[in-house]
């Protein structure tokens, strides 16, 4: 074999190696090589991380880690060997492996130990950096903890847009109510249902054609309403449903996502204020003042001054045990919001939601909830900080 042929055979793998270790991107003073990118792709594949463009995703993540490392080092943060070992063990435990088992499994798919170490080290440095520099900007109050306990904050939710019609249960109105029920059940469109609501409904939404303007989480509704609503098609009418104080019909206008949260686990506390005089101008003005001036349930008491003691009640129950009319009215509210119901016995009923929480075993304490809220806020601020660092970085592609 001639000298030229030998040189060609030798130079081919050398050129390939040089290409593998040549820079793919430079972030400030930190070089990301093609080898780093290939290793990160293999690592992501081992973790079943998918992306439309795996190379682009790998470079993006390595860029983030580069600026995270720079930021941490500027704040004199270093990770010692014990911290790194603990971090690797913690990560491996998610796959129910020891560090050595995890590293061995990575090696089988071509991922070096150093790649895993670098990934964990960058994460630990960033975690310490954000906790050292951002906490003074993230206060967590008792109100924040309370809000974090709300059902919607704990779990995703199926939300619906619905319209409602409430009819009286009084025997003296039985015949006309029966005729109205026939009209409702014969309605073939959302507009028809709304026209009937506008003319005959007792609900406070009558003037809006029975339309609740806001999305309502299905788990906030009582069981006899939540189940058929969650399974309904847009335009479908549900009813009649006996709510005790009224006969109700509902129509689904739209639905978003799907989630099944048992109503026997959703615990609600609320206040109920009955104002004599029904929908009088004085009462409607008082309701507007309540909405404007009341920020929490304790503040509702001053609007009951001069009324009989029983005019203001504090109630608590699981959703499936509540009065149907109360449950429907409260379903559209967030904590410390107010709504008015139809009149009962000549009184205008004002409802205020105090809390709506999911009850389950091993319910976290206030300290744990405070930590969860803190971590969530730190995470959001850290994401913003990371984007700021990337925007300020000197990034060059090769």
Protein backbone atom coordinates (compact mmCIF):
# COMPACT_ATOMS: atom_id res chain seq x y z
CA UNK A 1 0.00 0.00 0.00
CA UNK A 2 1.38 3.37 -0.96
CA UNK A 3 2.10 6.22 1.46
CA UNK A 4 -0.79 8.29 0.06
CA UNK A 5 -3.26 5.46 0.64
CA UNK A 6 -2.02 4.95 4.21
CA UNK A 7 -2.33 8.67 4.96
CA UNK A 8 -5.88 8.65 3.59
CA UNK A 9 -6.90 5.78 5.86
CA UNK A 10 -5.35 7.46 8.88
CA UNK A 11 -6.71 10.92 8.16
CA UNK A 12 -10.35 9.79 7.71
CA UNK A 13 -11.04 8.92 11.38
CA UNK A 14 -8.98 11.93 12.51
CA UNK A 15 -11.12 14.26 10.39
CA UNK A 16 -14.27 12.57 11.69
CA UNK A 17 -13.09 13.05 15.30
CA UNK A 18 -12.18 16.64 14.62
CA UNK A 19 -15.67 17.22 13.22
CA UNK A 20 -17.23 15.57 16.26
CA UNK A 21 -15.37 17.82 18.66
CA UNK A 22 -15.65 20.99 16.61
CA UNK A 23 -17.91 23.73 18.00
CA UNK A 24 -21.64 23.68 17.23
CA UNK A 25 -22.35 26.83 19.25
CA UNK A 26 -20.48 29.23 21.52
CA UNK A 27 -22.36 30.75 24.47
CA UNK A 28 -20.35 33.60 25.99
CA UNK A 29 -17.00 31.89 26.66
CA UNK A 30 -18.46 28.37 26.79
CA UNK A 31 -18.16 26.12 23.71
CA UNK A 32 -20.81 23.50 22.92
CA UNK A 33 -19.28 20.86 20.65
CA UNK A 34 -20.97 18.52 18.21
CA UNK A 35 -20.02 15.72 20.61
CA UNK A 36 -21.92 17.51 23.41
CA UNK A 37 -24.95 17.75 21.14
CA UNK A 38 -24.82 14.07 20.12
CA UNK A 39 -24.45 13.05 23.75
CA UNK A 40 -27.43 15.18 24.79
CA UNK A 41 -29.57 13.70 22.02
CA UNK A 42 -28.69 10.17 23.21
CA UNK A 43 -29.40 11.20 26.80
CA UNK A 44 -32.81 12.65 25.89
CA UNK A 45 -33.68 9.51 23.92
CA UNK A 46 -32.76 7.40 26.95
CA UNK A 47 -35.18 9.50 29.02
CA UNK A 48 -37.89 9.21 26.32
CA UNK A 49 -37.81 12.96 25.71
CA UNK A 50 -39.24 13.66 22.29
CA UNK A 51 -38.96 16.72 20.07
CA UNK A 52 -39.73 17.59 16.45
CA UNK A 53 -36.03 18.41 15.92
CA UNK A 54 -33.89 16.55 18.47
CA UNK A 55 -30.67 18.35 17.50
CA UNK A 56 -32.28 21.77 17.88
CA UNK A 57 -33.78 20.73 21.22
CA UNK A 58 -30.40 19.45 22.45
CA UNK A 59 -28.64 22.69 21.49
CA UNK A 60 -31.39 24.73 23.19
CA UNK A 61 -31.02 22.82 26.44
CA UNK A 62 -27.25 22.98 26.39
CA UNK A 63 -27.46 26.73 25.77
CA UNK A 64 -29.73 27.12 28.80
CA UNK A 65 -27.31 25.16 30.95
CA UNK A 66 -24.39 27.24 29.73
CA UNK A 67 -25.96 30.53 30.84
CA UNK A 68 -27.17 28.91 34.07
CA UNK A 69 -23.61 27.85 34.89
CA UNK A 70 -22.26 31.32 34.11
CA UNK A 71 -24.88 32.95 36.33
CA UNK A 72 -24.18 30.55 39.19
CA UNK A 73 -20.42 31.05 38.97
CA UNK A 74 -20.87 34.83 39.05
CA UNK A 75 -22.52 34.28 42.43
CA UNK A 76 -19.65 32.06 43.60
CA UNK A 77 -21.71 28.86 43.55
CA UNK A 78 -19.82 25.60 43.22
CA UNK A 79 -21.00 22.01 43.60
CA UNK A 80 -18.76 19.69 45.61
CA UNK A 81 -18.42 15.94 45.00
CA UNK A 82 -20.84 14.95 47.78
CA UNK A 83 -23.55 17.30 46.46
CA UNK A 84 -23.05 15.97 42.96
CA UNK A 85 -23.27 12.35 44.13
CA UNK A 86 -26.47 13.10 46.05
CA UNK A 87 -27.95 14.85 43.01
CA UNK A 88 -27.13 11.92 40.75
CA UNK A 89 -28.64 9.48 43.22
CA UNK A 90 -31.78 11.59 43.48
CA UNK A 91 -32.18 11.68 39.70
CA UNK A 92 -31.49 7.95 39.28
CA UNK A 93 -34.04 7.15 41.99
CA UNK A 94 -36.78 8.51 39.72
CA UNK A 95 -36.10 5.50 37.51
CA UNK A 96 -35.93 3.29 40.63
CA UNK A 97 -32.19 2.73 40.12
CA UNK A 98 -29.02 3.45 42.00
CA UNK A 99 -26.54 5.89 40.48
CA UNK A 100 -24.28 3.07 39.32
CA UNK A 101 -27.20 1.20 37.74
CA UNK A 102 -28.37 4.34 35.99
CA UNK A 103 -24.90 5.20 34.71
CA UNK A 104 -24.49 1.61 33.46
CA UNK A 105 -27.84 1.81 31.64
CA UNK A 106 -26.80 5.09 30.02
CA UNK A 107 -23.47 3.63 28.96
CA UNK A 108 -25.31 0.84 27.10
CA UNK A 109 -26.99 3.45 24.87
CA UNK A 110 -23.79 5.44 24.32
CA UNK A 111 -24.13 8.15 26.98
CA UNK A 112 -20.93 8.92 28.91
CA UNK A 113 -20.87 9.31 32.68
CA UNK A 114 -19.51 12.85 32.21
CA UNK A 115 -22.65 13.82 30.25
CA UNK A 116 -24.89 12.72 33.11
CA UNK A 117 -22.66 14.45 35.68
CA UNK A 118 -22.65 17.69 33.71
CA UNK A 119 -26.44 17.65 33.38
CA UNK A 120 -26.96 17.11 37.12
CA UNK A 121 -24.29 19.65 38.11
CA UNK A 122 -25.85 22.38 35.95
CA UNK A 123 -29.24 21.72 37.52
CA UNK A 124 -27.87 21.86 41.06
CA UNK A 125 -25.99 25.08 40.37
CA UNK A 126 -29.06 26.76 38.91
CA UNK A 127 -31.27 25.61 41.79
CA UNK A 128 -28.88 27.10 44.33
CA UNK A 129 -28.47 30.29 42.31
CA UNK A 130 -32.17 31.06 42.04
CA UNK A 131 -32.76 30.25 45.70
CA UNK A 132 -29.93 32.53 46.74
CA UNK A 133 -30.83 35.47 44.50
CA UNK A 134 -34.62 35.41 44.08
CA UNK A 135 -36.32 34.50 47.41
CA UNK A 136 -36.48 38.09 48.77
CA UNK A 137 -38.71 38.87 45.77
CA UNK A 138 -41.17 35.99 46.44
CA UNK A 139 -43.25 36.57 49.59
CA UNK A 140 -45.91 33.94 50.36
CA UNK A 141 -48.90 35.12 52.41
CA UNK A 142 -51.63 33.17 54.22
CA UNK A 143 -54.01 34.19 51.43
CA UNK A 144 -51.63 32.67 48.88
CA UNK A 145 -51.69 29.38 50.80
CA UNK A 146 -55.50 29.48 50.98
CA UNK A 147 -55.79 30.06 47.25
CA UNK A 148 -53.36 27.23 46.55
CA UNK A 149 -55.73 24.85 48.31
CA UNK A 150 -58.56 25.66 45.90
CA UNK A 151 -59.60 22.72 43.77
CA UNK A 152 -58.80 24.50 40.50
CA UNK A 153 -55.27 25.24 41.72
CA UNK A 154 -54.60 21.62 42.68
CA UNK A 155 -55.96 19.88 39.63
CA UNK A 156 -56.72 20.59 36.02
CA UNK A 157 -60.37 20.95 35.30
CA UNK A 158 -63.10 20.34 32.77
CA UNK A 159 -64.76 23.70 32.19
CA UNK A 160 -68.13 24.32 30.64
CA UNK A 161 -70.17 27.25 29.38
CA UNK A 162 -73.80 26.67 30.34
CA UNK A 163 -77.17 28.35 30.34
CA UNK A 164 -79.80 27.78 33.02
CA UNK A 165 -83.53 28.03 33.58
CA UNK A 166 -85.04 27.85 37.07
CA UNK A 167 -88.78 27.26 37.47
CA UNK A 168 -90.88 27.41 40.67
CA UNK A 169 -91.84 24.23 42.54
CA UNK A 170 -94.98 25.72 44.13
CA UNK A 171 -98.00 23.46 43.44
CA UNK A 172 -100.11 26.48 42.50
CA UNK A 173 -97.90 27.00 39.42
CA UNK A 174 -97.88 23.34 38.39
CA UNK A 175 -99.93 23.71 35.20
CA UNK A 176 -98.09 26.67 33.64
CA UNK A 177 -94.74 25.16 34.71
CA UNK A 178 -95.65 21.93 32.91
CA UNK A 179 -96.31 23.92 29.72
CA UNK A 180 -93.00 25.77 30.04
CA UNK A 181 -91.19 22.46 30.56
CA UNK A 182 -92.62 21.18 27.29
CA UNK A 183 -91.34 24.31 25.55
CA UNK A 184 -87.86 23.86 27.04
CA UNK A 185 -87.63 20.20 26.06
CA UNK A 186 -88.75 21.08 22.52
CA UNK A 187 -86.08 23.79 22.10
CA UNK A 188 -83.74 23.00 19.20
CA UNK A 189 -81.11 25.69 19.56
CA UNK A 190 -79.17 27.74 22.10
CA UNK A 191 -81.11 30.82 20.99
CA UNK A 192 -84.49 29.14 21.64
CA UNK A 193 -83.38 28.07 25.11
CA UNK A 194 -82.22 31.63 25.85
CA UNK A 195 -85.55 33.12 24.74
CA UNK A 196 -87.44 30.80 27.09
CA UNK A 197 -85.04 31.66 29.93
CA UNK A 198 -85.48 35.38 29.31
CA UNK A 199 -89.26 35.06 29.52
CA UNK A 200 -89.83 32.49 32.26
CA UNK A 201 -86.69 31.76 34.36
CA UNK A 202 -86.53 32.71 38.03
CA UNK A 203 -82.71 32.70 38.03
CA UNK A 204 -80.68 35.86 38.29
CA UNK A 205 -79.35 35.16 34.80
CA UNK A 206 -82.82 35.67 33.31
CA UNK A 207 -81.97 39.01 31.67
CA UNK A 208 -78.93 37.38 29.98
CA UNK A 209 -81.10 34.65 28.49
CA UNK A 210 -80.00 32.24 31.19
CA UNK A 211 -76.38 32.41 30.05
CA UNK A 212 -73.67 32.14 32.68
CA UNK A 213 -70.98 34.44 31.24
CA UNK A 214 -67.97 32.62 32.69
CA UNK A 215 -66.54 29.13 32.35
CA UNK A 216 -67.66 26.89 35.23
CA UNK A 217 -65.40 24.02 36.45
CA UNK A 218 -67.47 20.82 36.34
CA UNK A 219 -66.19 19.66 39.73
CA UNK A 220 -67.79 22.74 41.31
CA UNK A 221 -71.24 21.49 40.31
CA UNK A 222 -73.28 19.02 42.37
CA UNK A 223 -73.19 15.41 41.21
CA UNK A 224 -76.68 15.27 39.70
CA UNK A 225 -75.66 18.16 37.42
CA UNK A 226 -71.92 17.53 36.95
CA UNK A 227 -72.24 14.04 35.54
CA UNK A 228 -74.77 14.75 32.76
CA UNK A 229 -73.08 18.08 31.93
CA UNK A 230 -69.66 16.41 31.61
CA UNK A 231 -71.09 13.87 29.16
CA UNK A 232 -73.30 16.29 27.19
CA UNK A 233 -72.79 17.59 23.66
CA UNK A 234 -72.88 21.34 22.93
CA UNK A 235 -76.50 22.40 22.56
CA UNK A 236 -77.82 19.48 24.63
CA UNK A 237 -80.41 20.27 27.32
CA UNK A 238 -80.16 18.59 30.72
CA UNK A 239 -83.20 18.39 32.97
CA UNK A 240 -85.57 18.61 34.63
CA UNK A 241 -83.49 18.46 37.82
CA UNK A 242 -85.12 18.95 41.20
CA UNK A 243 -82.93 21.33 43.20
CA UNK A 244 -85.38 21.56 46.08
CA UNK A 245 -85.99 25.29 45.79
CA UNK A 246 -86.49 25.12 42.02
CA UNK A 247 -86.85 22.89 38.98
CA UNK A 248 -83.77 23.43 36.83
CA UNK A 249 -82.81 22.94 33.21
CA UNK A 250 -79.29 23.46 31.86
CA UNK A 251 -77.94 23.70 28.36
CA UNK A 252 -74.30 23.07 27.46
CA UNK A 253 -72.92 25.77 25.17
CA UNK A 254 -69.26 24.68 25.12
CA UNK A 255 -66.82 22.38 26.91
CA UNK A 256 -63.06 22.54 27.42
CA UNK A 257 -60.79 19.58 28.36
CA UNK A 258 -61.86 16.62 30.48
CA UNK A 259 -61.32 15.76 34.12
CA UNK A 260 -63.33 13.73 36.60
CA UNK A 261 -63.10 14.94 40.21
CA UNK A 262 -65.60 13.26 42.56
CA UNK A 263 -67.94 15.87 44.12
CA UNK A 264 -67.83 13.92 47.39
CA UNK A 265 -64.20 15.08 47.78
CA UNK A 266 -64.78 18.78 47.11
CA UNK A 267 -65.49 20.61 50.38
CA UNK A 268 -67.05 24.09 50.23
CA UNK A 269 -67.49 26.77 52.89
CA UNK A 270 -69.64 29.80 52.12
CA UNK A 271 -71.84 32.49 53.62
CA UNK A 272 -75.48 33.08 52.81
CA UNK A 273 -77.09 36.47 53.44
CA UNK A 274 -80.88 36.82 53.04
CA UNK A 275 -82.03 40.41 52.41
CA UNK A 276 -85.73 41.10 53.08
CA UNK A 277 -87.51 42.89 50.26
CA UNK A 278 -86.41 40.75 47.32
CA UNK A 279 -84.99 42.57 44.30
CA UNK A 280 -85.80 46.03 45.61
CA UNK A 281 -83.72 49.01 44.50
CA UNK A 282 -82.35 49.26 48.04
CA UNK A 283 -81.23 45.63 48.06
CA UNK A 284 -79.67 45.80 44.60
CA UNK A 285 -77.71 48.87 45.71
CA UNK A 286 -76.62 47.01 48.85
CA UNK A 287 -75.42 44.08 46.74
CA UNK A 288 -73.28 46.41 44.64
CA UNK A 289 -71.75 47.84 47.82
CA UNK A 290 -71.05 44.32 49.08
CA UNK A 291 -69.26 43.43 45.84
CA UNK A 292 -67.24 46.65 45.92
CA UNK A 293 -66.36 46.78 49.62
CA UNK A 294 -66.07 43.14 50.74
CA UNK A 295 -62.74 41.41 50.19
CA UNK A 296 -63.19 38.33 52.38
CA UNK A 297 -65.96 36.35 54.06
CA UNK A 298 -65.45 37.96 57.46
CA UNK A 299 -66.38 41.31 55.94
CA UNK A 300 -69.88 40.21 54.98
CA UNK A 301 -71.10 40.47 58.57
CA UNK A 302 -71.39 44.25 58.65
CA UNK A 303 -73.98 44.11 55.87
CA UNK A 304 -76.20 41.97 58.11
CA UNK A 305 -76.39 44.63 60.84
CA UNK A 306 -79.98 45.42 61.74
CA UNK A 307 -81.25 42.16 60.24
CA UNK A 308 -82.44 39.09 62.17
CA UNK A 309 -79.60 36.88 63.40
CA UNK A 310 -80.62 34.06 61.06
CA UNK A 311 -80.27 36.35 58.01
CA UNK A 312 -76.54 35.55 57.82
CA UNK A 313 -75.50 31.91 57.82
CA UNK A 314 -72.13 30.23 57.43
CA UNK A 315 -72.44 26.85 55.75
CA UNK A 316 -70.03 24.09 54.86
CA UNK A 317 -70.56 20.83 53.01
CA UNK A 318 -69.24 18.54 50.34
CA UNK A 319 -70.58 19.56 46.93
CA UNK A 320 -72.71 16.42 46.61
CA UNK A 321 -74.41 17.22 49.95
CA UNK A 322 -75.21 20.87 49.23
CA UNK A 323 -78.49 22.47 48.31
CA UNK A 324 -78.65 22.15 44.54
CA UNK A 325 -79.43 25.82 43.94
CA UNK A 326 -76.58 26.95 46.21
CA UNK A 327 -74.15 24.55 44.54
CA UNK A 328 -75.01 25.79 41.07
CA UNK A 329 -74.68 29.44 42.08
CA UNK A 330 -71.37 28.87 43.89
CA UNK A 331 -69.93 26.80 41.04
CA UNK A 332 -69.15 29.92 39.01
CA UNK A 333 -67.34 31.70 41.86
CA UNK A 334 -63.73 31.86 42.97
CA UNK A 335 -62.74 32.32 46.61
CA UNK A 336 -64.21 35.52 48.16
CA UNK A 337 -66.45 36.26 45.16
CA UNK A 338 -70.15 37.09 45.49
CA UNK A 339 -73.31 36.29 43.56
CA UNK A 340 -77.05 36.73 44.03
CA UNK A 341 -79.63 34.02 43.61
CA UNK A 342 -83.31 34.22 42.81
CA UNK A 343 -85.48 35.42 45.67
CA UNK A 344 -86.67 32.93 48.30
CA UNK A 345 -89.70 33.70 50.45
CA UNK A 346 -89.48 37.33 49.42
CA UNK A 347 -85.77 37.62 50.28
CA UNK A 348 -82.85 38.30 47.95
CA UNK A 349 -80.17 35.69 48.67
CA UNK A 350 -76.50 36.72 48.51
CA UNK A 351 -73.86 33.99 48.44
CA UNK A 352 -70.13 34.41 49.08
CA UNK A 353 -67.64 31.59 48.53
CA UNK A 354 -65.13 31.32 51.36
CA UNK A 355 -63.20 28.23 50.24
CA UNK A 356 -63.38 25.24 47.92
CA UNK A 357 -60.86 22.55 48.73
CA UNK A 358 -60.14 18.98 47.75
CA UNK A 359 -60.28 16.69 50.77
CA UNK A 360 -58.03 13.63 50.60
CA UNK A 361 -55.76 11.51 52.75
CA UNK A 362 -52.35 12.93 53.68
CA UNK A 363 -53.59 16.44 53.05
CA UNK A 364 -50.50 18.72 53.11
CA UNK A 365 -50.12 21.10 56.03
CA UNK A 366 -49.84 24.86 55.71
CA UNK A 367 -46.04 24.68 55.85
CA UNK A 368 -45.95 22.21 52.95
CA UNK A 369 -48.41 24.31 50.97
CA UNK A 370 -46.32 27.43 51.59
CA UNK A 371 -43.27 25.59 50.25
CA UNK A 372 -45.24 24.45 47.19
CA UNK A 373 -46.40 28.00 46.44
CA UNK A 374 -42.87 29.30 47.00
CA UNK A 375 -41.39 26.70 44.64
CA UNK A 376 -44.02 27.45 41.99
CA UNK A 377 -43.27 31.18 42.13
CA UNK A 378 -39.53 30.63 42.22
CA UNK A 379 -39.91 28.40 39.16
CA UNK A 380 -41.82 31.06 37.24
CA UNK A 381 -39.31 33.77 38.18
CA UNK A 382 -36.40 31.46 37.36
CA UNK A 383 -37.85 30.87 33.88
CA UNK A 384 -38.06 34.61 33.32
CA UNK A 385 -34.51 35.06 34.60
CA UNK A 386 -33.28 32.32 32.29
CA UNK A 387 -34.84 33.98 29.25
CA UNK A 388 -33.25 37.26 30.29
CA UNK A 389 -29.83 35.60 30.56
CA UNK A 390 -30.19 33.99 27.15
CA UNK A 391 -31.24 37.31 25.60
CA UNK A 392 -28.15 38.99 27.08
CA UNK A 393 -25.73 36.18 26.16
CA UNK A 394 -23.28 36.33 23.27
CA UNK A 395 -24.40 33.33 21.20
CA UNK A 396 -22.63 32.27 18.00
CA UNK A 397 -23.48 29.27 15.84
CA UNK A 398 -20.93 27.44 13.68
